[in-house]
Amino acid sequence: MIAPTTFNITTLLVLAITIWVLAVRYRTRPDNNWPLFYYIALVAYTKKFEDVIDPGFVFVAVVGALLLRFEFMSGWVLKAVMYIETACLAYVILRCLQVLFGSG
């Protein structure tokens, strides 16, 4: 059972919204603004709780989201950036699960 602390609830919220962003990213156009709002919150979470998520992965995902937002790419480059962003978000999901369920 997850203890209802502020840290755990915030981590659970980050986990849920990360899963939502992954679903939205592949169902809508790449120039959607919602992932950018998510990344503002993720950077704030990363700054507040420094030992939970590696900032390198977060900043690579932010750069990928900005590249997708301004869509000057197409074809394989677009897919490569989306896969890199997906890998970074999968890392965020993995770390949140590890922190919540005790192996991190």
Protein backbone atom coordinates (compact mmCIF):
# COMPACT_ATOMS: atom_id res chain seq x y z
CA MET A 1 0.00 0.00 0.00
CA ILE A 2 1.22 3.47 -0.84
CA ALA A 3 1.43 5.80 2.15
CA PRO A 4 -0.60 8.97 1.46
CA THR A 5 2.23 11.48 1.80
CA THR A 6 2.56 14.60 -0.30
CA PHE A 7 5.59 13.15 -2.06
CA ASN A 8 3.80 9.90 -2.94
CA ILE A 9 0.65 11.62 -4.16
CA THR A 10 2.68 14.02 -6.31
CA THR A 11 4.69 11.12 -7.74
CA LEU A 12 1.48 9.22 -8.47
CA LEU A 13 0.08 12.28 -10.23
CA VAL A 14 3.26 12.62 -12.33
CA LEU A 15 2.97 8.93 -13.22
CA ALA A 16 -0.66 9.25 -14.31
CA ILE A 17 -0.10 12.39 -16.35
CA THR A 18 2.99 10.86 -18.01
CA ILE A 19 0.89 7.92 -19.18
CA TRP A 20 -1.74 10.36 -20.44
CA VAL A 21 0.88 12.38 -22.35
CA LEU A 22 2.13 9.22 -24.05
CA ALA A 23 -1.39 8.38 -25.15
CA VAL A 24 -2.04 11.91 -26.38
CA ARG A 25 1.28 12.10 -28.21
CA TYR A 26 0.42 9.19 -30.50
CA ARG A 27 -3.28 10.02 -30.97
CA THR A 28 -3.10 13.70 -31.88
CA ARG A 29 -1.01 15.91 -34.10
CA PRO A 30 2.61 16.46 -33.03
CA ASP A 31 2.10 20.21 -32.62
CA ASN A 32 -0.26 19.79 -29.66
CA ASN A 33 0.42 22.20 -26.76
CA TRP A 34 -0.63 19.94 -23.85
CA PRO A 35 2.67 18.05 -23.61
CA LEU A 36 4.50 21.36 -23.17
CA PHE A 37 2.40 22.19 -20.10
CA TYR A 38 3.20 18.72 -18.78
CA TYR A 39 6.91 19.30 -19.25
CA ILE A 40 6.75 22.54 -17.25
CA ALA A 41 5.29 20.55 -14.36
CA LEU A 42 7.81 17.71 -14.84
CA VAL A 43 10.76 20.10 -14.73
CA ALA A 44 9.35 21.65 -11.55
CA TYR A 45 8.93 18.16 -10.03
CA THR A 46 12.49 17.27 -11.03
CA LYS A 47 13.82 20.45 -9.44
CA LYS A 48 11.83 19.93 -6.22
CA PHE A 49 12.68 16.24 -5.78
CA GLU A 50 16.19 16.05 -7.22
CA ASP A 51 16.98 12.42 -6.45
CA VAL A 52 13.93 10.87 -8.10
CA ILE A 53 14.30 11.47 -11.84
CA ASP A 54 17.53 12.09 -13.73
CA PRO A 55 17.31 15.62 -15.19
CA GLY A 56 19.13 14.53 -18.33
CA PHE A 57 16.23 12.38 -19.44
CA VAL A 58 13.76 15.16 -18.66
CA PHE A 59 15.65 17.76 -20.64
CA VAL A 60 16.10 15.44 -23.64
CA ALA A 61 12.33 14.85 -23.59
CA VAL A 62 11.69 18.60 -23.37
CA VAL A 63 13.92 19.27 -26.37
CA GLY A 64 12.15 16.47 -28.26
CA ALA A 65 8.75 17.95 -27.42
CA LEU A 66 9.86 21.38 -28.59
CA LEU A 67 11.18 19.92 -31.85
CA LEU A 68 7.86 18.13 -32.36
CA ARG A 69 5.89 21.25 -31.50
CA PHE A 70 7.53 23.40 -34.12
CA GLU A 71 7.30 20.58 -36.69
CA PHE A 72 9.94 21.45 -39.22
CA MET A 73 10.67 17.74 -39.57
CA SER A 74 8.96 14.91 -41.35
CA GLY A 75 9.46 11.27 -42.20
CA TRP A 76 12.04 9.26 -40.31
CA VAL A 77 13.40 12.27 -38.39
CA LEU A 78 9.96 12.92 -36.89
CA LYS A 79 9.61 9.26 -35.91
CA ALA A 80 13.11 9.20 -34.40
CA VAL A 81 12.37 12.25 -32.23
CA MET A 82 9.06 10.71 -31.14
CA TYR A 83 10.82 7.45 -30.19
CA ILE A 84 13.46 9.34 -28.19
CA GLU A 85 10.75 11.26 -26.36
CA THR A 86 8.86 8.02 -25.72
CA ALA A 87 11.98 6.39 -24.28
CA CYS A 88 12.48 9.34 -21.92
CA LEU A 89 8.85 9.20 -20.81
CA ALA A 90 9.15 5.44 -20.28
CA TYR A 91 12.10 6.18 -17.99
CA VAL A 92 9.94 8.65 -16.02
CA ILE A 93 7.22 6.00 -15.67
CA LEU A 94 9.76 3.40 -14.54
CA ARG A 95 11.32 5.70 -11.94
CA CYS A 96 7.93 6.75 -10.57
CA LEU A 97 6.93 3.09 -10.19
CA GLN A 98 10.24 2.28 -8.52
CA VAL A 99 9.87 5.15 -6.06
CA LEU A 100 6.24 4.36 -5.27
CA PHE A 101 6.67 0.63 -4.82
CA GLY A 102 9.95 0.64 -3.01
CA SER A 103 12.82 -0.46 -5.25
CA GLY A 104 14.10 3.06 -5.92
